[in-house]
Amino acid sequence: MIKATDASLRQLRYFAVLAEELHFGKAASRLGISQPSLTRQIQLLEKIVGTALLDRTQRAVSLTPAGVAFVAQARATLNYHDRSLETARNVAGRKQESLAIGFEPCAHFHNLPMVLKQFVVRYPGIRLSSFEMSASEQAEAVARNRIDAGFMHPPVPDDPLFAFDLVGEERFVVAMPSAHKLASRRRVPCSALASEKFALYPRSIAPGCYDAVQQICKAAGFSPEIIHETNEISVVLSLIPVSGVVTLFPECVRQRRAPGVVFRDIEGAVTTVPCGFLRRSGDVNPHVAHFLTVWRAVKNRRR
């Protein structure tokens, strides 16, 4: 039940804009209302809250400590409201018999093409869509119902909105030029890579894998010297024989054939990275479960 003492979304939005502008005239112009109307709404909001949210002088407007705390929660409320509206509209705009999947670039090495093919065969009446996205993009897309689930490596957002279905864990391997002095060895101690130049993917693309690489190198007593970052696995593989760089990949990437590149196990490295599907908690779309069943079946056949 909404009480007369509850702040309206309009008042929250007005205050959020004013907190950015810190100027009643500019905020009112941006909101498309008169300055007296804005002043009146802010005064009503302060009355509801029970304390001053702004310090006003003839020369400046600033937030009180209570205003700083309040605006952060007001923005979160507005964002949740906007996300709820978009989610409902996205659900309404999509056909009921559909499934949208996001995936990190390395999903290709986890038999994604075969999974997609098998899913279409088993569920021909479901419209399947797939989109390559970074981990952060997938979380946003899942939250806004643009996709139903996304293949990614943790960390998973700490939010009750999300659930994560683990589908596997991977060790890391080192990728190096085939002419490298260590290429003749079956297993390479990570400490032997301390003086090497590294090519790596940015942390924003795959934070779980990036952090695992840093952890492996730290355990070996060094921090990798990264001279090139790219979000394309193919670019890294092409740089290795040309530039002499090395890198650490999840072991699934060793399926990729690349001229002048060899993959070797890392001696003594026990750090693994989990992988799985991010989805909404309590998701009512049964096709997510169907997709995971097909994924696991394909993975088991490929072992």
C-alpha atoms as a PDB file:
ATOM      1  CA  MET A   1       0.000   0.000   0.000  1.00  0.00           C
ATOM      2  CA  ILE A   2       1.396   3.381  -1.027  1.00  0.00           C
ATOM      3  CA  LYS A   3       1.375   5.913   1.799  1.00  0.00           C
ATOM      4  CA  ALA A   4       1.193   9.674   1.567  1.00  0.00           C
ATOM      5  CA  THR A   5       4.672   9.730   3.085  1.00  0.00           C
ATOM      6  CA  ASP A   6       6.179   7.625   0.281  1.00  0.00           C
ATOM      7  CA  ALA A   7       8.438   9.433  -2.179  1.00  0.00           C
ATOM      8  CA  SER A   8       7.297   9.201  -5.781  1.00  0.00           C
ATOM      9  CA  LEU A   9       9.490   8.015  -8.627  1.00  0.00           C
ATOM     10  CA  ARG A  10       9.116  11.468 -10.124  1.00  0.00           C
ATOM     11  CA  GLN A  11      10.549  13.071  -6.998  1.00  0.00           C
ATOM     12  CA  LEU A  12      13.428  10.597  -6.965  1.00  0.00           C
ATOM     13  CA  ARG A  13      14.164  11.337 -10.615  1.00  0.00           C
ATOM     14  CA  TYR A  14      14.035  15.097  -9.972  1.00  0.00           C
ATOM     15  CA  PHE A  15      16.436  14.761  -7.041  1.00  0.00           C
ATOM     16  CA  ALA A  16      18.825  12.521  -8.986  1.00  0.00           C
ATOM     17  CA  VAL A  17      19.091  15.110 -11.783  1.00  0.00           C
ATOM     18  CA  LEU A  18      19.487  17.962  -9.313  1.00  0.00           C
ATOM     19  CA  ALA A  19      22.233  16.038  -7.532  1.00  0.00           C
ATOM     20  CA  GLU A  20      24.112  15.852 -10.833  1.00  0.00           C
ATOM     21  CA  GLU A  21      23.629  19.483 -11.831  1.00  0.00           C
ATOM     22  CA  LEU A  22      23.735  21.081  -8.339  1.00  0.00           C
ATOM     23  CA  HIS A  23      21.882  23.983  -9.910  1.00  0.00           C
ATOM     24  CA  PHE A  24      18.097  24.379  -9.763  1.00  0.00           C
ATOM     25  CA  GLY A  25      17.850  26.297 -13.028  1.00  0.00           C
ATOM     26  CA  LYS A  26      19.928  23.810 -15.038  1.00  0.00           C
ATOM     27  CA  ALA A  27      18.176  20.819 -13.469  1.00  0.00           C
ATOM     28  CA  ALA A  28      14.736  22.284 -14.166  1.00  0.00           C
ATOM     29  CA  SER A  29      15.677  22.980 -17.788  1.00  0.00           C
ATOM     30  CA  ARG A  30      16.978  19.445 -18.214  1.00  0.00           C
ATOM     31  CA  LEU A  31      13.785  18.013 -16.710  1.00  0.00           C
ATOM     32  CA  GLY A  32      11.528  20.247 -18.789  1.00  0.00           C
ATOM     33  CA  ILE A  33       9.764  21.826 -15.795  1.00  0.00           C
ATOM     34  CA  SER A  34       9.807  25.240 -14.170  1.00  0.00           C
ATOM     35  CA  GLN A  35      12.285  26.038 -11.428  1.00  0.00           C
ATOM     36  CA  PRO A  36       9.548  26.767  -8.841  1.00  0.00           C
ATOM     37  CA  SER A  37       7.986  23.356  -9.565  1.00  0.00           C
ATOM     38  CA  LEU A  38      11.325  21.640  -9.029  1.00  0.00           C
ATOM     39  CA  THR A  39      11.914  23.555  -5.801  1.00  0.00           C
ATOM     40  CA  ARG A  40       8.473  22.571  -4.518  1.00  0.00           C
ATOM     41  CA  GLN A  41       8.994  18.876  -5.292  1.00  0.00           C
ATOM     42  CA  ILE A  42      12.403  18.827  -3.586  1.00  0.00           C
ATOM     43  CA  GLN A  43      10.914  20.506  -0.518  1.00  0.00           C
ATOM     44  CA  LEU A  44       8.167  17.878  -0.404  1.00  0.00           C
ATOM     45  CA  LEU A  45      10.775  15.138  -0.746  1.00  0.00           C
ATOM     46  CA  GLU A  46      12.806  16.541   2.149  1.00  0.00           C
ATOM     47  CA  LYS A  47       9.641  16.683   4.236  1.00  0.00           C
ATOM     48  CA  ILE A  48       8.971  12.994   3.461  1.00  0.00           C
ATOM     49  CA  VAL A  49      12.552  11.995   4.270  1.00  0.00           C
ATOM     50  CA  GLY A  50      12.533  14.082   7.406  1.00  0.00           C
ATOM     51  CA  THR A  51      15.827  15.883   6.922  1.00  0.00           C
ATOM     52  CA  ALA A  52      17.575  18.325   4.608  1.00  0.00           C
ATOM     53  CA  LEU A  53      19.079  16.727   1.531  1.00  0.00           C
ATOM     54  CA  LEU A  54      20.646  19.904   0.165  1.00  0.00           C
ATOM     55  CA  ASP A  55      22.618  22.848   1.490  1.00  0.00           C
ATOM     56  CA  ARG A  56      21.491  25.960  -0.353  1.00  0.00           C
ATOM     57  CA  THR A  57      23.261  29.316  -0.474  1.00  0.00           C
ATOM     58  CA  GLN A  58      22.912  32.207  -2.885  1.00  0.00           C
ATOM     59  CA  ARG A  59      25.979  31.004  -4.747  1.00  0.00           C
ATOM     60  CA  ALA A  60      25.890  27.214  -4.588  1.00  0.00           C
ATOM     61  CA  VAL A  61      23.890  24.084  -3.979  1.00  0.00           C
ATOM     62  CA  SER A  62      25.523  21.029  -2.391  1.00  0.00           C
ATOM     63  CA  LEU A  63      24.415  17.705  -0.999  1.00  0.00           C
ATOM     64  CA  THR A  64      24.229  17.150   2.738  1.00  0.00           C
ATOM     65  CA  PRO A  65      25.630  13.843   4.072  1.00  0.00           C
ATOM     66  CA  ALA A  66      22.049  12.574   4.123  1.00  0.00           C
ATOM     67  CA  GLY A  67      21.631  13.756   0.526  1.00  0.00           C
ATOM     68  CA  VAL A  68      24.749  11.856  -0.582  1.00  0.00           C
ATOM     69  CA  ALA A  69      23.412   8.665   0.986  1.00  0.00           C
ATOM     70  CA  PHE A  70      19.911   9.220  -0.337  1.00  0.00           C
ATOM     71  CA  VAL A  71      20.861   9.915  -3.938  1.00  0.00           C
ATOM     72  CA  ALA A  72      22.794   6.642  -4.204  1.00  0.00           C
ATOM     73  CA  GLN A  73      19.713   4.682  -3.158  1.00  0.00           C
ATOM     74  CA  ALA A  74      17.458   6.850  -5.305  1.00  0.00           C
ATOM     75  CA  ARG A  75      19.546   6.036  -8.381  1.00  0.00           C
ATOM     76  CA  ALA A  76      19.474   2.335  -7.528  1.00  0.00           C
ATOM     77  CA  THR A  77      15.666   2.485  -7.187  1.00  0.00           C
ATOM     78  CA  LEU A  78      15.298   4.305 -10.485  1.00  0.00           C
ATOM     79  CA  ASN A  79      17.615   1.855 -12.231  1.00  0.00           C
ATOM     80  CA  TYR A  80      15.676  -1.103 -10.829  1.00  0.00           C
ATOM     81  CA  HIS A  81      12.407   0.491 -11.947  1.00  0.00           C
ATOM     82  CA  ASP A  82      13.701   1.152 -15.452  1.00  0.00           C
ATOM     83  CA  ARG A  83      15.143  -2.338 -15.676  1.00  0.00           C
ATOM     84  CA  SER A  84      11.820  -3.844 -14.585  1.00  0.00           C
ATOM     85  CA  LEU A  85       9.969  -1.963 -17.309  1.00  0.00           C
ATOM     86  CA  GLU A  86      12.488  -2.969 -19.963  1.00  0.00           C
ATOM     87  CA  THR A  87      12.438  -6.588 -18.823  1.00  0.00           C
ATOM     88  CA  ALA A  88       8.648  -6.765 -19.072  1.00  0.00           C
ATOM     89  CA  ARG A  89       8.712  -5.173 -22.520  1.00  0.00           C
ATOM     90  CA  ASN A  90      11.462  -7.530 -23.696  1.00  0.00           C
ATOM     91  CA  VAL A  91       9.477 -10.532 -22.476  1.00  0.00           C
ATOM     92  CA  ALA A  92       6.331  -9.276 -24.180  1.00  0.00           C
ATOM     93  CA  GLY A  93       8.211  -8.564 -27.399  1.00  0.00           C
ATOM     94  CA  ARG A  94       9.712 -12.012 -27.730  1.00  0.00           C
ATOM     95  CA  LYS A  95       7.942 -15.124 -28.900  1.00  0.00           C
ATOM     96  CA  GLN A  96       7.174 -17.605 -26.137  1.00  0.00           C
ATOM     97  CA  GLU A  97       8.922 -20.464 -27.933  1.00  0.00           C
ATOM     98  CA  SER A  98      12.353 -18.863 -28.121  1.00  0.00           C
ATOM     99  CA  LEU A  99      15.749 -19.033 -26.460  1.00  0.00           C
ATOM    100  CA  ALA A 100      18.491 -16.393 -26.560  1.00  0.00           C
ATOM    101  CA  ILE A 101      21.999 -17.403 -25.489  1.00  0.00           C
ATOM    102  CA  GLY A 102      25.081 -15.235 -24.912  1.00  0.00           C
ATOM    103  CA  PHE A 103      28.601 -16.608 -24.931  1.00  0.00           C
ATOM    104  CA  GLU A 104      32.228 -15.627 -24.374  1.00  0.00           C
ATOM    105  CA  PRO A 105      34.574 -16.078 -27.379  1.00  0.00           C
ATOM    106  CA  CYS A 106      36.104 -19.254 -25.934  1.00  0.00           C
ATOM    107  CA  ALA A 107      32.714 -21.000 -26.098  1.00  0.00           C
ATOM    108  CA  HIS A 108      33.663 -22.058 -29.634  1.00  0.00           C
ATOM    109  CA  PHE A 109      36.221 -24.383 -28.061  1.00  0.00           C
ATOM    110  CA  HIS A 110      33.576 -25.895 -25.801  1.00  0.00           C
ATOM    111  CA  ASN A 111      31.747 -27.420 -28.774  1.00  0.00           C
ATOM    112  CA  LEU A 112      29.254 -24.546 -28.970  1.00  0.00           C
ATOM    113  CA  PRO A 113      28.571 -25.051 -32.705  1.00  0.00           C
ATOM    114  CA  MET A 114      27.741 -28.719 -32.097  1.00  0.00           C
ATOM    115  CA  VAL A 115      25.512 -27.812 -29.132  1.00  0.00           C
ATOM    116  CA  LEU A 116      23.601 -25.290 -31.230  1.00  0.00           C
ATOM    117  CA  LYS A 117      23.182 -27.844 -33.991  1.00  0.00           C
ATOM    118  CA  GLN A 118      21.957 -30.560 -31.621  1.00  0.00           C
ATOM    119  CA  PHE A 119      19.562 -28.187 -29.878  1.00  0.00           C
ATOM    120  CA  VAL A 120      17.934 -27.201 -33.173  1.00  0.00           C
ATOM    121  CA  VAL A 121      17.590 -30.873 -34.096  1.00  0.00           C
ATOM    122  CA  ARG A 122      16.002 -31.819 -30.776  1.00  0.00           C
ATOM    123  CA  TYR A 123      13.803 -28.720 -30.455  1.00  0.00           C
ATOM    124  CA  PRO A 124      12.933 -27.625 -34.005  1.00  0.00           C
ATOM    125  CA  GLY A 125      10.003 -25.493 -32.870  1.00  0.00           C
ATOM    126  CA  ILE A 126      12.123 -23.172 -30.730  1.00  0.00           C
ATOM    127  CA  ARG A 127      13.631 -20.055 -32.248  1.00  0.00           C
ATOM    128  CA  LEU A 128      17.270 -20.029 -31.100  1.00  0.00           C
ATOM    129  CA  SER A 129      19.426 -16.890 -31.056  1.00  0.00           C
ATOM    130  CA  SER A 130      23.052 -16.602 -29.949  1.00  0.00           C
ATOM    131  CA  PHE A 131      25.251 -13.563 -29.346  1.00  0.00           C
ATOM    132  CA  GLU A 132      28.962 -13.203 -28.548  1.00  0.00           C
ATOM    133  CA  MET A 133      29.351 -10.998 -25.462  1.00  0.00           C
ATOM    134  CA  SER A 134      31.811 -10.249 -22.682  1.00  0.00           C
ATOM    135  CA  ALA A 135      30.984 -11.458 -19.161  1.00  0.00           C
ATOM    136  CA  SER A 136      29.774  -8.007 -18.063  1.00  0.00           C
ATOM    137  CA  GLU A 137      27.645  -7.614 -21.183  1.00  0.00           C
ATOM    138  CA  GLN A 138      26.048 -10.984 -20.520  1.00  0.00           C
ATOM    139  CA  ALA A 139      25.141 -10.048 -16.944  1.00  0.00           C
ATOM    140  CA  GLU A 140      23.455  -6.863 -18.147  1.00  0.00           C
ATOM    141  CA  ALA A 141      21.659  -8.719 -20.943  1.00  0.00           C
ATOM    142  CA  VAL A 142      20.424 -11.422 -18.559  1.00  0.00           C
ATOM    143  CA  ALA A 143      19.208  -8.791 -16.093  1.00  0.00           C
ATOM    144  CA  ARG A 144      17.273  -6.973 -18.798  1.00  0.00           C
ATOM    145  CA  ASN A 145      15.913 -10.183 -20.326  1.00  0.00           C
ATOM    146  CA  ARG A 146      17.679  -9.636 -23.627  1.00  0.00           C
ATOM    147  CA  ILE A 147      19.132 -13.126 -23.314  1.00  0.00           C
ATOM    148  CA  ASP A 148      17.974 -16.102 -21.258  1.00  0.00           C
ATOM    149  CA  ALA A 149      21.417 -17.400 -20.264  1.00  0.00           C
ATOM    150  CA  GLY A 150      25.067 -16.727 -20.975  1.00  0.00           C
ATOM    151  CA  PHE A 151      28.145 -18.953 -21.107  1.00  0.00           C
ATOM    152  CA  MET A 152      30.893 -17.336 -19.056  1.00  0.00           C
ATOM    153  CA  HIS A 153      33.659 -17.816 -16.517  1.00  0.00           C
ATOM    154  CA  PRO A 154      33.044 -16.428 -13.004  1.00  0.00           C
ATOM    155  CA  PRO A 155      33.132 -14.203 -11.041  1.00  0.00           C
ATOM    156  CA  VAL A 156      29.340 -14.082 -11.058  1.00  0.00           C
ATOM    157  CA  PRO A 157      27.610 -10.836 -10.033  1.00  0.00           C
ATOM    158  CA  ASP A 158      26.741 -10.842  -6.327  1.00  0.00           C
ATOM    159  CA  ASP A 159      23.033 -10.280  -6.866  1.00  0.00           C
ATOM    160  CA  PRO A 160      20.064 -12.505  -5.931  1.00  0.00           C
ATOM    161  CA  LEU A 161      18.729 -11.817  -9.402  1.00  0.00           C
ATOM    162  CA  PHE A 162      21.295 -14.268 -10.843  1.00  0.00           C
ATOM    163  CA  ALA A 163      21.922 -18.005 -10.661  1.00  0.00           C
ATOM    164  CA  PHE A 164      24.900 -19.865 -12.098  1.00  0.00           C
ATOM    165  CA  ASP A 165      24.905 -23.414 -13.468  1.00  0.00           C
ATOM    166  CA  LEU A 166      28.401 -24.936 -13.439  1.00  0.00           C
ATOM    167  CA  VAL A 167      29.193 -27.074 -16.478  1.00  0.00           C
ATOM    168  CA  GLY A 168      32.921 -27.650 -16.064  1.00  0.00           C
ATOM    169  CA  GLU A 169      36.354 -26.608 -14.788  1.00  0.00           C
ATOM    170  CA  GLU A 170      39.543 -26.192 -16.794  1.00  0.00           C
ATOM    171  CA  ARG A 171      43.256 -26.191 -16.135  1.00  0.00           C
ATOM    172  CA  PHE A 172      45.496 -23.759 -17.993  1.00  0.00           C
ATOM    173  CA  VAL A 173      48.093 -24.482 -20.663  1.00  0.00           C
ATOM    174  CA  VAL A 174      50.894 -22.321 -22.007  1.00  0.00           C
ATOM    175  CA  ALA A 175      50.864 -21.326 -25.689  1.00  0.00           C
ATOM    176  CA  MET A 176      54.289 -20.504 -27.125  1.00  0.00           C
ATOM    177  CA  PRO A 177      56.147 -20.351 -30.453  1.00  0.00           C
ATOM    178  CA  SER A 178      56.970 -23.791 -31.824  1.00  0.00           C
ATOM    179  CA  ALA A 179      60.597 -22.598 -32.084  1.00  0.00           C
ATOM    180  CA  HIS A 180      60.739 -21.635 -28.403  1.00  0.00           C
ATOM    181  CA  LYS A 181      63.538 -23.203 -26.340  1.00  0.00           C
ATOM    182  CA  LEU A 182      60.916 -24.744 -23.999  1.00  0.00           C
ATOM    183  CA  ALA A 183      58.737 -26.152 -26.800  1.00  0.00           C
ATOM    184  CA  SER A 184      60.504 -29.524 -26.702  1.00  0.00           C
ATOM    185  CA  ARG A 185      59.251 -30.151 -23.178  1.00  0.00           C
ATOM    186  CA  ARG A 186      55.906 -31.818 -22.494  1.00  0.00           C
ATOM    187  CA  ARG A 187      55.407 -29.839 -19.286  1.00  0.00           C
ATOM    188  CA  VAL A 188      56.729 -26.349 -18.626  1.00  0.00           C
ATOM    189  CA  PRO A 189      57.248 -24.865 -15.148  1.00  0.00           C
ATOM    190  CA  CYS A 190      55.492 -21.529 -14.988  1.00  0.00           C
ATOM    191  CA  SER A 191      58.541 -19.986 -13.302  1.00  0.00           C
ATOM    192  CA  ALA A 192      60.437 -20.533 -16.584  1.00  0.00           C
ATOM    193  CA  LEU A 193      58.133 -17.934 -18.176  1.00  0.00           C
ATOM    194  CA  ALA A 194      59.103 -15.144 -15.775  1.00  0.00           C
ATOM    195  CA  SER A 195      61.262 -13.331 -18.335  1.00  0.00           C
ATOM    196  CA  GLU A 196      58.835 -13.824 -21.246  1.00  0.00           C
ATOM    197  CA  LYS A 197      56.626 -11.194 -22.866  1.00  0.00           C
ATOM    198  CA  PHE A 198      52.899 -12.000 -22.658  1.00  0.00           C
ATOM    199  CA  ALA A 199      49.881 -11.338 -24.854  1.00  0.00           C
ATOM    200  CA  LEU A 200      46.602 -11.530 -22.952  1.00  0.00           C
ATOM    201  CA  TYR A 201      42.923 -10.679 -23.109  1.00  0.00           C
ATOM    202  CA  PRO A 202      41.711  -7.627 -21.157  1.00  0.00           C
ATOM    203  CA  ARG A 203      40.257  -8.340 -17.728  1.00  0.00           C
ATOM    204  CA  SER A 204      36.962  -6.709 -18.767  1.00  0.00           C
ATOM    205  CA  ILE A 205      36.440  -9.459 -21.353  1.00  0.00           C
ATOM    206  CA  ALA A 206      36.988 -12.491 -19.107  1.00  0.00           C
ATOM    207  CA  PRO A 207      37.819 -11.490 -15.523  1.00  0.00           C
ATOM    208  CA  GLY A 208      37.801 -15.079 -14.236  1.00  0.00           C
ATOM    209  CA  CYS A 209      40.433 -16.256 -16.721  1.00  0.00           C
ATOM    210  CA  TYR A 210      42.488 -13.086 -16.381  1.00  0.00           C
ATOM    211  CA  ASP A 211      42.615 -13.371 -12.580  1.00  0.00           C
ATOM    212  CA  ALA A 212      43.492 -17.069 -12.786  1.00  0.00           C
ATOM    213  CA  VAL A 213      46.471 -16.292 -15.059  1.00  0.00           C
ATOM    214  CA  GLN A 214      47.663 -13.650 -12.616  1.00  0.00           C
ATOM    215  CA  GLN A 215      47.282 -16.120  -9.746  1.00  0.00           C
ATOM    216  CA  ILE A 216      49.272 -18.838 -11.532  1.00  0.00           C
ATOM    217  CA  CYS A 217      52.110 -16.429 -12.311  1.00  0.00           C
ATOM    218  CA  LYS A 218      52.098 -14.977  -8.797  1.00  0.00           C
ATOM    219  CA  ALA A 219      52.397 -18.479  -7.329  1.00  0.00           C
ATOM    220  CA  ALA A 220      55.442 -18.958  -9.583  1.00  0.00           C
ATOM    221  CA  GLY A 221      57.027 -15.799  -8.191  1.00  0.00           C
ATOM    222  CA  PHE A 222      56.432 -13.200 -10.910  1.00  0.00           C
ATOM    223  CA  SER A 223      53.913 -10.869 -12.497  1.00  0.00           C
ATOM    224  CA  PRO A 224      53.491 -11.334 -16.263  1.00  0.00           C
ATOM    225  CA  GLU A 225      54.815  -8.558 -18.482  1.00  0.00           C
ATOM    226  CA  ILE A 226      51.859  -7.974 -20.801  1.00  0.00           C
ATOM    227  CA  ILE A 227      52.876  -6.161 -23.977  1.00  0.00           C
ATOM    228  CA  HIS A 228      49.691  -6.731 -25.968  1.00  0.00           C
ATOM    229  CA  GLU A 229      46.019  -7.038 -25.036  1.00  0.00           C
ATOM    230  CA  THR A 230      43.256  -8.127 -27.397  1.00  0.00           C
ATOM    231  CA  ASN A 231      39.794  -9.632 -27.093  1.00  0.00           C
ATOM    232  CA  GLU A 232      40.422 -11.924 -30.079  1.00  0.00           C
ATOM    233  CA  ILE A 233      41.921 -15.340 -29.397  1.00  0.00           C
ATOM    234  CA  SER A 234      42.902 -15.620 -33.059  1.00  0.00           C
ATOM    235  CA  VAL A 235      44.933 -12.402 -32.787  1.00  0.00           C
ATOM    236  CA  VAL A 236      46.859 -13.722 -29.775  1.00  0.00           C
ATOM    237  CA  LEU A 237      47.599 -16.966 -31.608  1.00  0.00           C
ATOM    238  CA  SER A 238      48.828 -15.085 -34.664  1.00  0.00           C
ATOM    239  CA  LEU A 239      51.124 -12.898 -32.532  1.00  0.00           C
ATOM    240  CA  ILE A 240      52.825 -15.813 -30.779  1.00  0.00           C
ATOM    241  CA  PRO A 241      55.046 -17.025 -33.681  1.00  0.00           C
ATOM    242  CA  VAL A 242      55.555 -13.522 -35.099  1.00  0.00           C
ATOM    243  CA  SER A 243      56.352 -11.587 -31.897  1.00  0.00           C
ATOM    244  CA  GLY A 244      57.673 -14.421 -29.759  1.00  0.00           C
ATOM    245  CA  VAL A 245      55.138 -13.749 -27.001  1.00  0.00           C
ATOM    246  CA  VAL A 246      53.601 -16.442 -24.817  1.00  0.00           C
ATOM    247  CA  THR A 247      50.299 -16.682 -22.977  1.00  0.00           C
ATOM    248  CA  LEU A 248      48.244 -18.921 -20.736  1.00  0.00           C
ATOM    249  CA  PHE A 249      44.918 -20.207 -22.057  1.00  0.00           C
ATOM    250  CA  PRO A 250      42.204 -22.456 -20.626  1.00  0.00           C
ATOM    251  CA  GLU A 251      42.991 -25.926 -21.952  1.00  0.00           C
ATOM    252  CA  CYS A 252      39.996 -25.918 -24.325  1.00  0.00           C
ATOM    253  CA  VAL A 253      41.890 -23.501 -26.622  1.00  0.00           C
ATOM    254  CA  ARG A 254      44.489 -26.151 -27.441  1.00  0.00           C
ATOM    255  CA  GLN A 255      41.902 -27.599 -29.826  1.00  0.00           C
ATOM    256  CA  ARG A 256      42.646 -24.631 -32.067  1.00  0.00           C
ATOM    257  CA  ARG A 257      45.265 -25.383 -34.708  1.00  0.00           C
ATOM    258  CA  ALA A 258      47.565 -22.413 -35.203  1.00  0.00           C
ATOM    259  CA  PRO A 259      50.693 -22.439 -37.407  1.00  0.00           C
ATOM    260  CA  GLY A 260      53.876 -21.893 -35.425  1.00  0.00           C
ATOM    261  CA  VAL A 261      52.139 -22.348 -32.052  1.00  0.00           C
ATOM    262  CA  VAL A 262      52.433 -25.240 -29.584  1.00  0.00           C
ATOM    263  CA  PHE A 263      50.514 -25.846 -26.366  1.00  0.00           C
ATOM    264  CA  ARG A 264      52.202 -27.327 -23.332  1.00  0.00           C
ATOM    265  CA  ASP A 265      50.922 -28.345 -19.911  1.00  0.00           C
ATOM    266  CA  ILE A 266      52.019 -26.212 -16.971  1.00  0.00           C
ATOM    267  CA  GLU A 267      54.073 -28.149 -14.475  1.00  0.00           C
ATOM    268  CA  GLY A 268      52.571 -28.099 -11.024  1.00  0.00           C
ATOM    269  CA  ALA A 269      49.809 -25.583 -11.833  1.00  0.00           C
ATOM    270  CA  VAL A 270      46.631 -26.543 -10.020  1.00  0.00           C
ATOM    271  CA  THR A 271      44.666 -23.357 -10.579  1.00  0.00           C
ATOM    272  CA  THR A 272      41.521 -24.020 -12.537  1.00  0.00           C
ATOM    273  CA  VAL A 273      38.792 -21.785 -13.850  1.00  0.00           C
ATOM    274  CA  PRO A 274      35.119 -22.820 -13.696  1.00  0.00           C
ATOM    275  CA  CYS A 275      32.717 -22.200 -16.541  1.00  0.00           C
ATOM    276  CA  GLY A 276      28.963 -22.308 -16.763  1.00  0.00           C
ATOM    277  CA  PHE A 277      25.787 -20.454 -17.585  1.00  0.00           C
ATOM    278  CA  LEU A 278      24.515 -17.294 -15.932  1.00  0.00           C
ATOM    279  CA  ARG A 279      20.736 -17.027 -15.834  1.00  0.00           C
ATOM    280  CA  ARG A 280      17.984 -15.359 -13.846  1.00  0.00           C
ATOM    281  CA  SER A 281      17.101 -17.009 -10.544  1.00  0.00           C
ATOM    282  CA  GLY A 282      13.909 -19.012 -10.779  1.00  0.00           C
ATOM    283  CA  ASP A 283      13.800 -18.546 -14.535  1.00  0.00           C
ATOM    284  CA  VAL A 284      10.503 -19.787 -15.946  1.00  0.00           C
ATOM    285  CA  ASN A 285      11.872 -20.423 -19.442  1.00  0.00           C
ATOM    286  CA  PRO A 286      12.142 -24.233 -19.597  1.00  0.00           C
ATOM    287  CA  HIS A 287      14.327 -24.060 -22.682  1.00  0.00           C
ATOM    288  CA  VAL A 288      17.316 -22.951 -20.577  1.00  0.00           C
ATOM    289  CA  ALA A 289      17.240 -26.326 -18.842  1.00  0.00           C
ATOM    290  CA  HIS A 290      16.861 -28.051 -22.217  1.00  0.00           C
ATOM    291  CA  PHE A 291      19.908 -26.204 -23.552  1.00  0.00           C
ATOM    292  CA  LEU A 292      22.011 -27.202 -20.540  1.00  0.00           C
ATOM    293  CA  THR A 293      20.974 -30.840 -21.022  1.00  0.00           C
ATOM    294  CA  VAL A 294      22.136 -30.758 -24.637  1.00  0.00           C
ATOM    295  CA  TRP A 295      25.379 -28.979 -23.646  1.00  0.00           C
ATOM    296  CA  ARG A 296      26.247 -31.641 -21.068  1.00  0.00           C
ATOM    297  CA  ALA A 297      25.324 -34.478 -23.441  1.00  0.00           C
ATOM    298  CA  VAL A 298      27.622 -33.121 -26.174  1.00  0.00           C
ATOM    299  CA  LYS A 299      30.425 -32.549 -23.668  1.00  0.00           C
ATOM    300  CA  ASN A 300      30.168 -36.122 -22.327  1.00  0.00           C
ATOM    301  CA  ARG A 301      30.306 -37.580 -25.844  1.00  0.00           C
ATOM    302  CA  ARG A 302      33.428 -35.540 -26.628  1.00  0.00           C
ATOM    303  CA  ARG A 303      35.414 -36.824 -23.648  1.00  0.00           C
END
